[in-house]
C-alpha atoms as a PDB file:
ATOM      1  CA  MET A   1      28.745  12.676 -44.088  1.00  0.00           C
ATOM      2  CA  TYR A   2      25.697  14.860 -43.726  1.00  0.00           C
ATOM      3  CA  ILE A   3      23.450  11.846 -43.279  1.00  0.00           C
ATOM      4  CA  PHE A   4      25.743  10.372 -40.605  1.00  0.00           C
ATOM      5  CA  ILE A   5      25.908  13.615 -38.582  1.00  0.00           C
ATOM      6  CA  ASN A   6      22.167  14.107 -38.836  1.00  0.00           C
ATOM      7  CA  PHE A   7      21.629  10.520 -37.632  1.00  0.00           C
ATOM      8  CA  LYS A   8      23.951  11.081 -34.632  1.00  0.00           C
ATOM      9  CA  PHE A   9      22.141  14.276 -33.782  1.00  0.00           C
ATOM     10  CA  THR A  10      18.780  12.515 -34.020  1.00  0.00           C
ATOM     11  CA  MET A  11      19.975   9.698 -31.770  1.00  0.00           C
ATOM     12  CA  LYS A  12      21.283  12.189 -29.195  1.00  0.00           C
ATOM     13  CA  ALA A  13      18.023  14.114 -29.312  1.00  0.00           C
ATOM     14  CA  THR A  14      16.053  10.885 -28.833  1.00  0.00           C
ATOM     15  CA  TRP A  15      18.137   9.830 -25.832  1.00  0.00           C
ATOM     16  CA  ALA A  16      17.931  13.342 -24.392  1.00  0.00           C
ATOM     17  CA  MET A  17      14.150  13.258 -24.714  1.00  0.00           C
ATOM     18  CA  LYS A  18      13.998   9.862 -23.005  1.00  0.00           C
ATOM     19  CA  PHE A  19      16.234  11.158 -20.222  1.00  0.00           C
ATOM     20  CA  LEU A  20      13.989  14.185 -19.682  1.00  0.00           C
ATOM     21  CA  LEU A  21      10.900  11.987 -19.636  1.00  0.00           C
ATOM     22  CA  CYS A  22      12.500   9.746 -17.012  1.00  0.00           C
ATOM     23  CA  ILE A  23      13.436  12.757 -14.895  1.00  0.00           C
ATOM     24  CA  GLY A  24       9.885  14.079 -15.296  1.00  0.00           C
ATOM     25  CA  ALA A  25       8.418  10.763 -14.164  1.00  0.00           C
ATOM     26  CA  PHE A  26      10.782  10.719 -11.179  1.00  0.00           C
ATOM     27  CA  LEU A  27       9.747  14.222 -10.175  1.00  0.00           C
ATOM     28  CA  ILE A  28       6.065  13.298 -10.402  1.00  0.00           C
ATOM     29  CA  VAL A  29       6.649  10.480  -7.909  1.00  0.00           C
ATOM     30  CA  ALA A  30       9.156  12.326  -5.730  1.00  0.00           C
ATOM     31  CA  PHE A  31       6.987  15.372  -5.195  1.00  0.00           C
ATOM     32  CA  ALA A  32       3.553  13.755  -5.387  1.00  0.00           C
ATOM     33  CA  GLU A  33       1.240  14.620  -2.545  1.00  0.00           C
ATOM     34  CA  GLN A  34      -1.949  12.988  -1.426  1.00  0.00           C
ATOM     35  CA  LEU A  35      -2.593  15.007   1.686  1.00  0.00           C
ATOM     36  CA  GLY A  36      -5.236  14.115   4.165  1.00  0.00           C
ATOM     37  CA  CYS A  37      -6.070  13.783   7.811  1.00  0.00           C
ATOM     38  CA  PHE A  38      -8.061  11.584  10.129  1.00  0.00           C
ATOM     39  CA  VAL A  39      -9.280  11.763  13.698  1.00  0.00           C
ATOM     40  CA  ASN A  40      -7.560   9.506  16.228  1.00  0.00           C
ATOM     41  CA  GLU A  41     -10.180   9.341  18.952  1.00  0.00           C
ATOM     42  CA  ASN A  42      -7.924   7.157  21.130  1.00  0.00           C
ATOM     43  CA  ALA A  43      -5.224   9.838  21.307  1.00  0.00           C
ATOM     44  CA  GLN A  44      -7.737  12.700  21.008  1.00  0.00           C
ATOM     45  CA  SER A  45      -5.839  14.284  18.139  1.00  0.00           C
ATOM     46  CA  ILE A  46      -5.984  15.082  14.437  1.00  0.00           C
ATOM     47  CA  VAL A  47      -3.392  13.084  12.500  1.00  0.00           C
ATOM     48  CA  PHE A  48      -2.159  14.666   9.266  1.00  0.00           C
ATOM     49  CA  VAL A  49       0.634  14.285   6.732  1.00  0.00           C
ATOM     50  CA  LYS A  50       3.243  16.974   6.141  1.00  0.00           C
ATOM     51  CA  ASP A  51       6.919  16.995   5.079  1.00  0.00           C
ATOM     52  CA  GLY A  52       6.847  13.239   4.570  1.00  0.00           C
ATOM     53  CA  GLU A  53       5.720  12.531   8.137  1.00  0.00           C
ATOM     54  CA  ALA A  54       2.545  11.774  10.037  1.00  0.00           C
ATOM     55  CA  LYS A  55       2.011  14.520  12.621  1.00  0.00           C
ATOM     56  CA  ASN A  56      -0.481  15.165  15.408  1.00  0.00           C
ATOM     57  CA  LEU A  57      -2.501  18.219  16.328  1.00  0.00           C
ATOM     58  CA  ASN A  58      -3.706  17.932  19.904  1.00  0.00           C
ATOM     59  CA  LEU A  59      -6.558  20.136  21.101  1.00  0.00           C
ATOM     60  CA  LYS A  60      -8.557  20.249  24.311  1.00  0.00           C
ATOM     61  CA  ASN A  61     -11.826  19.569  22.494  1.00  0.00           C
ATOM     62  CA  THR A  62     -13.257  16.065  22.505  1.00  0.00           C
ATOM     63  CA  TYR A  63     -13.034  13.942  19.356  1.00  0.00           C
ATOM     64  CA  TYR A  64     -15.460  11.099  18.774  1.00  0.00           C
ATOM     65  CA  LYS A  65     -15.186   7.875  16.820  1.00  0.00           C
ATOM     66  CA  ASN A  66     -15.683   8.283  13.055  1.00  0.00           C
ATOM     67  CA  GLN A  67     -15.533  12.071  13.266  1.00  0.00           C
ATOM     68  CA  LYS A  68     -14.498  13.270   9.787  1.00  0.00           C
ATOM     69  CA  CYS A  69     -11.625  15.556   8.846  1.00  0.00           C
ATOM     70  CA  GLY A  70     -10.418  17.562   5.805  1.00  0.00           C
ATOM     71  CA  TYR A  71      -7.109  19.412   5.331  1.00  0.00           C
ATOM     72  CA  ASP A  72      -5.806  22.116   2.959  1.00  0.00           C
ATOM     73  CA  GLU A  73      -2.305  22.688   4.450  1.00  0.00           C
ATOM     74  CA  GLU A  74      -3.542  25.765   6.303  1.00  0.00           C
ATOM     75  CA  PHE A  75      -6.614  24.647   8.231  1.00  0.00           C
ATOM     76  CA  PHE A  76      -8.333  21.465   9.313  1.00  0.00           C
ATOM     77  CA  TYR A  77     -12.070  21.059   8.865  1.00  0.00           C
ATOM     78  CA  ILE A  78     -13.880  18.789  11.309  1.00  0.00           C
ATOM     79  CA  ALA A  79     -17.465  17.533  11.155  1.00  0.00           C
ATOM     80  CA  ASN A  80     -18.970  17.356  14.622  1.00  0.00           C
ATOM     81  CA  LEU A  81     -21.905  15.246  15.834  1.00  0.00           C
ATOM     82  CA  ASN A  82     -24.376  17.998  14.852  1.00  0.00           C
ATOM     83  CA  ASN A  83     -23.196  17.900  11.206  1.00  0.00           C
ATOM     84  CA  GLU A  84     -21.519  21.274  11.595  1.00  0.00           C
ATOM     85  CA  ILE A  85     -18.221  21.952   9.827  1.00  0.00           C
ATOM     86  CA  ILE A  86     -15.672  23.551  12.127  1.00  0.00           C
ATOM     87  CA  GLU A  87     -12.490  25.263  10.947  1.00  0.00           C
ATOM     88  CA  VAL A  88      -9.610  24.233  13.204  1.00  0.00           C
ATOM     89  CA  ALA A  89      -6.295  26.034  13.689  1.00  0.00           C
ATOM     90  CA  ASN A  90      -5.321  26.938  17.251  1.00  0.00           C
ATOM     91  CA  GLU A  91      -9.018  27.310  18.031  1.00  0.00           C
ATOM     92  CA  ARG A  92     -12.316  26.250  16.480  1.00  0.00           C
ATOM     93  CA  ASN A  93     -14.433  28.510  14.280  1.00  0.00           C
ATOM     94  CA  PHE A  94     -17.893  27.506  13.053  1.00  0.00           C
ATOM     95  CA  LEU A  95     -18.229  27.663   9.244  1.00  0.00           C
ATOM     96  CA  PHE A  96     -21.527  26.076   8.214  1.00  0.00           C
ATOM     97  CA  ALA A  97     -23.974  23.267   8.966  1.00  0.00           C
ATOM     98  CA  VAL A  98     -25.310  20.668   6.536  1.00  0.00           C
ATOM     99  CA  PRO A  99     -29.037  21.455   6.143  1.00  0.00           C
ATOM    100  CA  ASN A 100     -30.361  17.876   5.979  1.00  0.00           C
ATOM    101  CA  VAL A 101     -31.778  16.667   9.275  1.00  0.00           C
ATOM    102  CA  GLY A 102     -30.989  13.040  10.075  1.00  0.00           C
ATOM    103  CA  CYS A 103     -27.987  12.569   7.788  1.00  0.00           C
ATOM    104  CA  LYS A 104     -24.472  11.631   8.934  1.00  0.00           C
ATOM    105  CA  ILE A 105     -21.365  13.250   7.452  1.00  0.00           C
ATOM    106  CA  SER A 106     -19.195  10.516   5.950  1.00  0.00           C
ATOM    107  CA  ASN A 107     -16.601  12.417   3.890  1.00  0.00           C
ATOM    108  CA  ILE A 108     -14.892  15.807   3.590  1.00  0.00           C
ATOM    109  CA  GLN A 109     -12.714  17.004   0.691  1.00  0.00           C
ATOM    110  CA  VAL A 110     -11.041  20.419   0.600  1.00  0.00           C
ATOM    111  CA  SER A 111      -9.701  22.453  -2.332  1.00  0.00           C
ATOM    112  CA  THR A 112      -8.121  25.910  -2.351  1.00  0.00           C
ATOM    113  CA  ASN A 113     -11.398  27.785  -2.013  1.00  0.00           C
ATOM    114  CA  LYS A 114     -14.095  25.136  -1.508  1.00  0.00           C
ATOM    115  CA  ILE A 115     -15.142  22.497   1.006  1.00  0.00           C
ATOM    116  CA  TYR A 116     -17.063  19.435  -0.240  1.00  0.00           C
ATOM    117  CA  VAL A 117     -19.100  17.371   2.215  1.00  0.00           C
ATOM    118  CA  ALA A 118     -21.013  14.106   1.801  1.00  0.00           C
ATOM    119  CA  CYS A 119     -23.809  13.274   4.224  1.00  0.00           C
ATOM    120  CA  ASP A 120     -25.462   9.824   4.240  1.00  0.00           C
ATOM    121  CA  MET A 121     -29.172   9.232   4.759  1.00  0.00           C
ATOM    122  CA  ALA A 122     -31.312   6.084   4.627  1.00  0.00           C
ATOM    123  CA  SER A 123     -31.470   5.617   0.830  1.00  0.00           C
ATOM    124  CA  GLU A 124     -29.941   8.790  -0.550  1.00  0.00           C
ATOM    125  CA  VAL A 125     -26.984  11.090  -0.019  1.00  0.00           C
ATOM    126  CA  SER A 126     -26.636  14.832   0.338  1.00  0.00           C
ATOM    127  CA  ILE A 127     -23.609  16.546  -1.270  1.00  0.00           C
ATOM    128  CA  SER A 128     -22.752  20.096  -0.190  1.00  0.00           C
ATOM    129  CA  VAL A 129     -20.129  22.512  -1.485  1.00  0.00           C
ATOM    130  CA  PHE A 130     -19.167  25.565   0.570  1.00  0.00           C
ATOM    131  CA  ASP A 131     -17.354  28.496  -1.053  1.00  0.00           C
ATOM    132  CA  LYS A 132     -14.782  29.837   1.409  1.00  0.00           C
ATOM    133  CA  ASP A 133     -14.696  33.269  -0.251  1.00  0.00           C
ATOM    134  CA  SER A 134     -18.403  34.006  -0.796  1.00  0.00           C
ATOM    135  CA  LYS A 135     -19.537  31.877   2.210  1.00  0.00           C
ATOM    136  CA  LYS A 136     -22.290  30.415   0.011  1.00  0.00           C
ATOM    137  CA  LEU A 137     -23.466  26.848   0.464  1.00  0.00           C
ATOM    138  CA  LEU A 138     -24.916  24.676  -2.330  1.00  0.00           C
ATOM    139  CA  THR A 139     -26.557  21.331  -1.489  1.00  0.00           C
ATOM    140  CA  LYS A 140     -28.068  18.633  -3.720  1.00  0.00           C
ATOM    141  CA  ASN A 141     -29.534  15.200  -2.974  1.00  0.00           C
ATOM    142  CA  TYR A 142     -28.929  11.999  -4.957  1.00  0.00           C
ATOM    143  CA  LYS A 143     -31.294   9.050  -4.556  1.00  0.00           C
ATOM    144  CA  ASP A 144     -30.969   5.255  -4.629  1.00  0.00           C
ATOM    145  CA  ILE A 145     -27.670   5.297  -2.763  1.00  0.00           C
ATOM    146  CA  TYR A 146     -26.642   3.254   0.262  1.00  0.00           C
ATOM    147  CA  LYS A 147     -23.706   4.930   2.056  1.00  0.00           C
ATOM    148  CA  ILE A 148     -20.823   6.610   0.268  1.00  0.00           C
ATOM    149  CA  SER A 149     -17.683   4.494   0.119  1.00  0.00           C
ATOM    150  CA  ASN A 150     -15.399   6.805  -1.911  1.00  0.00           C
ATOM    151  CA  PHE A 151     -15.314  10.573  -2.299  1.00  0.00           C
ATOM    152  CA  LEU A 152     -12.678  12.024  -4.659  1.00  0.00           C
ATOM    153  CA  LEU A 153     -12.060  15.617  -5.662  1.00  0.00           C
ATOM    154  CA  LEU A 154     -10.752  15.832  -9.240  1.00  0.00           C
ATOM    155  CA  ASN A 155      -9.561  18.902 -11.157  1.00  0.00           C
ATOM    156  CA  ASP A 156     -12.967  20.003 -12.432  1.00  0.00           C
ATOM    157  CA  SER A 157     -15.307  17.419 -10.959  1.00  0.00           C
ATOM    158  CA  LEU A 158     -16.286  15.314  -7.966  1.00  0.00           C
ATOM    159  CA  PHE A 159     -16.468  11.507  -7.955  1.00  0.00           C
ATOM    160  CA  PHE A 160     -18.162   9.258  -5.440  1.00  0.00           C
ATOM    161  CA  THR A 161     -19.298   5.658  -5.088  1.00  0.00           C
ATOM    162  CA  SER A 162     -21.765   3.898  -2.807  1.00  0.00           C
ATOM    163  CA  PHE A 163     -21.620   0.472  -1.170  1.00  0.00           C
ATOM    164  CA  ASN A 164     -24.535  -0.714  -3.310  1.00  0.00           C
ATOM    165  CA  GLY A 165     -22.443  -0.282  -6.452  1.00  0.00           C
ATOM    166  CA  LYS A 166     -23.372   3.166  -7.798  1.00  0.00           C
ATOM    167  CA  ALA A 167     -20.781   5.626  -9.147  1.00  0.00           C
ATOM    168  CA  PHE A 168     -21.384   9.326  -9.797  1.00  0.00           C
ATOM    169  CA  LEU A 169     -19.299  11.971 -11.539  1.00  0.00           C
ATOM    170  CA  LEU A 170     -20.413  15.546 -10.760  1.00  0.00           C
ATOM    171  CA  GLY A 171     -19.483  18.949 -12.147  1.00  0.00           C
ATOM    172  CA  LYS A 172     -18.362  21.946 -10.086  1.00  0.00           C
ATOM    173  CA  ASP A 173     -21.964  23.010  -9.499  1.00  0.00           C
ATOM    174  CA  LEU A 174     -22.891  19.421  -8.476  1.00  0.00           C
ATOM    175  CA  THR A 175     -24.688  18.729 -11.758  1.00  0.00           C
ATOM    176  CA  LEU A 176     -24.636  15.093 -12.815  1.00  0.00           C
ATOM    177  CA  ILE A 177     -22.088  14.352 -15.558  1.00  0.00           C
ATOM    178  CA  GLU A 178     -22.107  10.562 -15.471  1.00  0.00           C
ATOM    179  CA  LYS A 179     -23.727   7.743 -13.486  1.00  0.00           C
ATOM    180  CA  LYS A 180     -22.806   4.049 -13.638  1.00  0.00           C
ATOM    181  CA  ASN A 181     -23.560   0.738 -11.954  1.00  0.00           C
ATOM    182  CA  ILE A 182     -20.075  -0.605 -11.241  1.00  0.00           C
ATOM    183  CA  GLY A 183     -20.681  -3.615  -8.988  1.00  0.00           C
ATOM    184  CA  PHE A 184     -21.143  -4.372  -5.304  1.00  0.00           C
ATOM    185  CA  ALA A 185     -18.980  -2.859  -2.549  1.00  0.00           C
ATOM    186  CA  PRO A 186     -16.454  -0.490  -4.140  1.00  0.00           C
ATOM    187  CA  ILE A 187     -14.277   0.155  -1.070  1.00  0.00           C
ATOM    188  CA  SER A 188     -11.430   2.374  -2.321  1.00  0.00           C
ATOM    189  CA  ALA A 189     -10.556   4.701  -5.196  1.00  0.00           C
ATOM    190  CA  CYS A 190      -7.821   7.003  -6.490  1.00  0.00           C
ATOM    191  CA  LYS A 191      -7.084   9.451  -9.297  1.00  0.00           C
ATOM    192  CA  PHE A 192      -4.914   7.821 -11.949  1.00  0.00           C
ATOM    193  CA  LYS A 193      -2.975   9.515 -14.773  1.00  0.00           C
ATOM    194  CA  GLY A 194      -4.711  12.874 -14.586  1.00  0.00           C
ATOM    195  CA  SER A 195      -8.473  12.514 -14.760  1.00  0.00           C
ATOM    196  CA  ASP A 196      -8.785   8.715 -14.848  1.00  0.00           C
ATOM    197  CA  ILE A 197     -10.144   6.919 -11.795  1.00  0.00           C
ATOM    198  CA  LEU A 198      -9.370   3.459 -10.402  1.00  0.00           C
ATOM    199  CA  VAL A 199     -11.827   1.804  -8.014  1.00  0.00           C
ATOM    200  CA  GLY A 200     -10.971  -1.099  -5.683  1.00  0.00           C
ATOM    201  CA  PHE A 201     -13.585  -3.642  -4.553  1.00  0.00           C
ATOM    202  CA  ARG A 202     -14.236  -5.928  -1.600  1.00  0.00           C
ATOM    203  CA  ASP A 203     -13.541  -9.009  -3.737  1.00  0.00           C
ATOM    204  CA  GLY A 204     -10.071  -7.815  -4.811  1.00  0.00           C
ATOM    205  CA  GLU A 205     -11.070  -6.536  -8.251  1.00  0.00           C
ATOM    206  CA  ILE A 206     -10.007  -3.146  -9.591  1.00  0.00           C
ATOM    207  CA  LEU A 207     -11.995  -1.090 -12.105  1.00  0.00           C
ATOM    208  CA  ASP A 208     -10.880   1.514 -14.624  1.00  0.00           C
ATOM    209  CA  PHE A 209     -13.912   3.810 -14.416  1.00  0.00           C
ATOM    210  CA  LYS A 210     -13.294   5.417 -17.813  1.00  0.00           C
ATOM    211  CA  SER A 211     -13.001   2.225 -19.866  1.00  0.00           C
ATOM    212  CA  GLY A 212     -15.120  -0.022 -17.645  1.00  0.00           C
ATOM    213  CA  ALA A 213     -12.408  -2.706 -17.629  1.00  0.00           C
ATOM    214  CA  LYS A 214     -12.078  -4.818 -14.462  1.00  0.00           C
ATOM    215  CA  LYS A 215      -9.158  -6.932 -13.291  1.00  0.00           C
ATOM    216  CA  GLN A 216      -8.642  -9.273 -10.328  1.00  0.00           C
ATOM    217  CA  ILE A 217      -5.456  -8.169  -8.564  1.00  0.00           C
ATOM    218  CA  LEU A 218      -5.918  -9.446  -4.967  1.00  0.00           C
ATOM    219  CA  LYS A 219      -7.626 -12.458  -3.446  1.00  0.00           C
ATOM    220  CA  SER A 220      -9.157 -10.309  -0.698  1.00  0.00           C
ATOM    221  CA  LYS A 221     -10.493  -6.800  -0.082  1.00  0.00           C
ATOM    222  CA  ILE A 222      -8.727  -3.750  -1.529  1.00  0.00           C
ATOM    223  CA  SER A 223      -9.102  -1.610   1.588  1.00  0.00           C
ATOM    224  CA  ALA A 224      -6.982   1.386   0.526  1.00  0.00           C
ATOM    225  CA  LEU A 225      -5.827   2.690  -2.828  1.00  0.00           C
ATOM    226  CA  THR A 226      -3.570   5.505  -4.010  1.00  0.00           C
ATOM    227  CA  CYS A 227      -2.056   6.371  -7.385  1.00  0.00           C
ATOM    228  CA  VAL A 228       1.197   8.211  -8.057  1.00  0.00           C
ATOM    229  CA  GLY A 229       2.210   8.885 -11.650  1.00  0.00           C
ATOM    230  CA  ASP A 230       1.974   5.527 -13.415  1.00  0.00           C
ATOM    231  CA  GLU A 231       2.133   3.476 -10.214  1.00  0.00           C
ATOM    232  CA  VAL A 232      -0.707   2.134  -8.091  1.00  0.00           C
ATOM    233  CA  PHE A 233      -0.312   1.338  -4.398  1.00  0.00           C
ATOM    234  CA  VAL A 234      -2.893  -1.051  -2.981  1.00  0.00           C
ATOM    235  CA  GLY A 235      -3.506  -1.633   0.720  1.00  0.00           C
ATOM    236  CA  GLY A 236      -5.103  -4.947   1.657  1.00  0.00           C
ATOM    237  CA  GLU A 237      -6.942  -6.350   4.645  1.00  0.00           C
ATOM    238  CA  ASP A 238      -3.850  -8.514   5.203  1.00  0.00           C
ATOM    239  CA  GLY A 239      -1.793  -5.443   6.198  1.00  0.00           C
ATOM    240  CA  ILE A 240       0.325  -5.557   3.032  1.00  0.00           C
ATOM    241  CA  VAL A 241       0.856  -2.757   0.498  1.00  0.00           C
ATOM    242  CA  TYR A 242       1.211  -3.966  -3.085  1.00  0.00           C
ATOM    243  CA  LYS A 243       2.781  -1.874  -5.856  1.00  0.00           C
ATOM    244  CA  PHE A 244       1.472  -2.231  -9.426  1.00  0.00           C
ATOM    245  CA  ASP A 245       2.551  -0.591 -12.675  1.00  0.00           C
ATOM    246  CA  LYS A 246       0.225   1.232 -15.096  1.00  0.00           C
ATOM    247  CA  ASP A 247      -0.869  -2.113 -16.601  1.00  0.00           C
ATOM    248  CA  LEU A 248      -1.677  -3.422 -13.103  1.00  0.00           C
ATOM    249  CA  LYS A 249       1.204  -5.878 -13.065  1.00  0.00           C
ATOM    250  CA  LEU A 250       2.594  -6.558  -9.581  1.00  0.00           C
ATOM    251  CA  LYS A 251       6.013  -4.930  -9.053  1.00  0.00           C
ATOM    252  CA  GLY A 252       6.534  -5.337  -5.318  1.00  0.00           C
ATOM    253  CA  GLN A 253       4.963  -5.673  -1.896  1.00  0.00           C
ATOM    254  CA  LYS A 254       5.736  -4.733   1.711  1.00  0.00           C
ATOM    255  CA  VAL A 255       4.222  -5.917   4.989  1.00  0.00           C
ATOM    256  CA  PHE A 256       3.122  -3.010   7.205  1.00  0.00           C
ATOM    257  CA  PHE A 257       0.673  -4.583   9.656  1.00  0.00           C
ATOM    258  CA  SER A 258      -0.945  -7.907  10.526  1.00  0.00           C
ATOM    259  CA  ASP A 259      -4.418  -6.416  10.047  1.00  0.00           C
ATOM    260  CA  GLU A 260      -6.298  -4.228   7.571  1.00  0.00           C
ATOM    261  CA  ILE A 261      -4.869  -1.009   6.131  1.00  0.00           C
ATOM    262  CA  LYS A 262      -7.541   1.701   6.158  1.00  0.00           C
ATOM    263  CA  GLU A 263      -5.613   4.739   4.821  1.00  0.00           C
ATOM    264  CA  ILE A 264      -2.644   5.437   2.557  1.00  0.00           C
ATOM    265  CA  PHE A 265      -1.116   8.912   2.318  1.00  0.00           C
ATOM    266  CA  ILE A 266       1.819   9.993   0.155  1.00  0.00           C
ATOM    267  CA  ASP A 267       4.016  13.047   0.704  1.00  0.00           C
ATOM    268  CA  LYS A 268       7.629  13.856  -0.255  1.00  0.00           C
ATOM    269  CA  ASN A 269       8.170  10.376  -1.722  1.00  0.00           C
ATOM    270  CA  VAL A 270       7.066   8.754   1.544  1.00  0.00           C
ATOM    271  CA  LEU A 271       4.152   6.323   1.764  1.00  0.00           C
ATOM    272  CA  ILE A 272       2.334   6.449   5.097  1.00  0.00           C
ATOM    273  CA  CYS A 273      -0.118   3.714   6.126  1.00  0.00           C
ATOM    274  CA  VAL A 274      -2.731   3.592   8.869  1.00  0.00           C
ATOM    275  CA  ASN A 275      -4.450   0.455  10.164  1.00  0.00           C
ATOM    276  CA  LEU A 276      -7.816  -0.001  11.873  1.00  0.00           C
ATOM    277  CA  ASN A 277      -6.244   0.656  15.291  1.00  0.00           C
ATOM    278  CA  ASN A 278      -4.835   3.994  14.067  1.00  0.00           C
ATOM    279  CA  GLU A 279      -1.267   2.673  14.149  1.00  0.00           C
ATOM    280  CA  ILE A 280       0.968   4.465  11.635  1.00  0.00           C
ATOM    281  CA  LYS A 281       3.952   3.186   9.659  1.00  0.00           C
ATOM    282  CA  SER A 282       5.867   4.781   6.785  1.00  0.00           C
ATOM    283  CA  LEU A 283       8.260   3.780   4.029  1.00  0.00           C
ATOM    284  CA  GLU A 284      10.029   5.534   1.158  1.00  0.00           C
ATOM    285  CA  ILE A 285       8.403   4.680  -2.161  1.00  0.00           C
ATOM    286  CA  ASN A 286      11.778   4.000  -3.780  1.00  0.00           C
ATOM    287  CA  SER A 287      12.440   1.141  -1.344  1.00  0.00           C
ATOM    288  CA  PHE A 288       9.702  -1.040  -2.880  1.00  0.00           C
END
């Protein structure tokens, strides 16, 4: 009798644990956020994601094509044509300028108390980190790089790739942790399962940066990539979003546009896609 009761208890405990793990996985997806913003020069507005929707902030100032934007849920940070970073709320406040003459700001990432900026030059890149509290700016240059294609802020590090196939992992103080040659034209990237990184390529391959394993998942360019829990959402140049599981097996797909998807944002269980014409469409993740 004792053995039977103990077995029943063990079985109940096992099923309870599985149930809790399933609920945990659901919550990771349901409340996952990959916030961001971009400049819509056609509508002269900043487009951002909040409460599961794409929203617009319209200001009287002029926005130009390829002007870069960062967002921390309180302020927007815009790079102007003079490589100055401007804090935007109801008005614009100058914060700092990138010191390198002749570079072009290509990416902005924002954390709670820091702003990270990438600035492209002819054959190298300048990375700057600005501390919002101390107002101090740290800048370092990295050579043998042709244009940054991905710029990810991780928990304790910064990851970026270049179009000529270089990948860099940096520490908080911009010191080099790891450098790899990963192959030509890495177009997209996302954080996967904590600190892992997936990189999508022009030829449809995807790379696990940590293990170095590559897999062909599309026949054409992976133009946008985002990871939520154990799921990977891939935007293609065909306007379709593909959903893969943790082993990169295809689980579903949805047509959003007839042309290339350039951005994917996720907030409140809603996937929001943007195409090259700055058109926006959204869909609940659970409907895949």
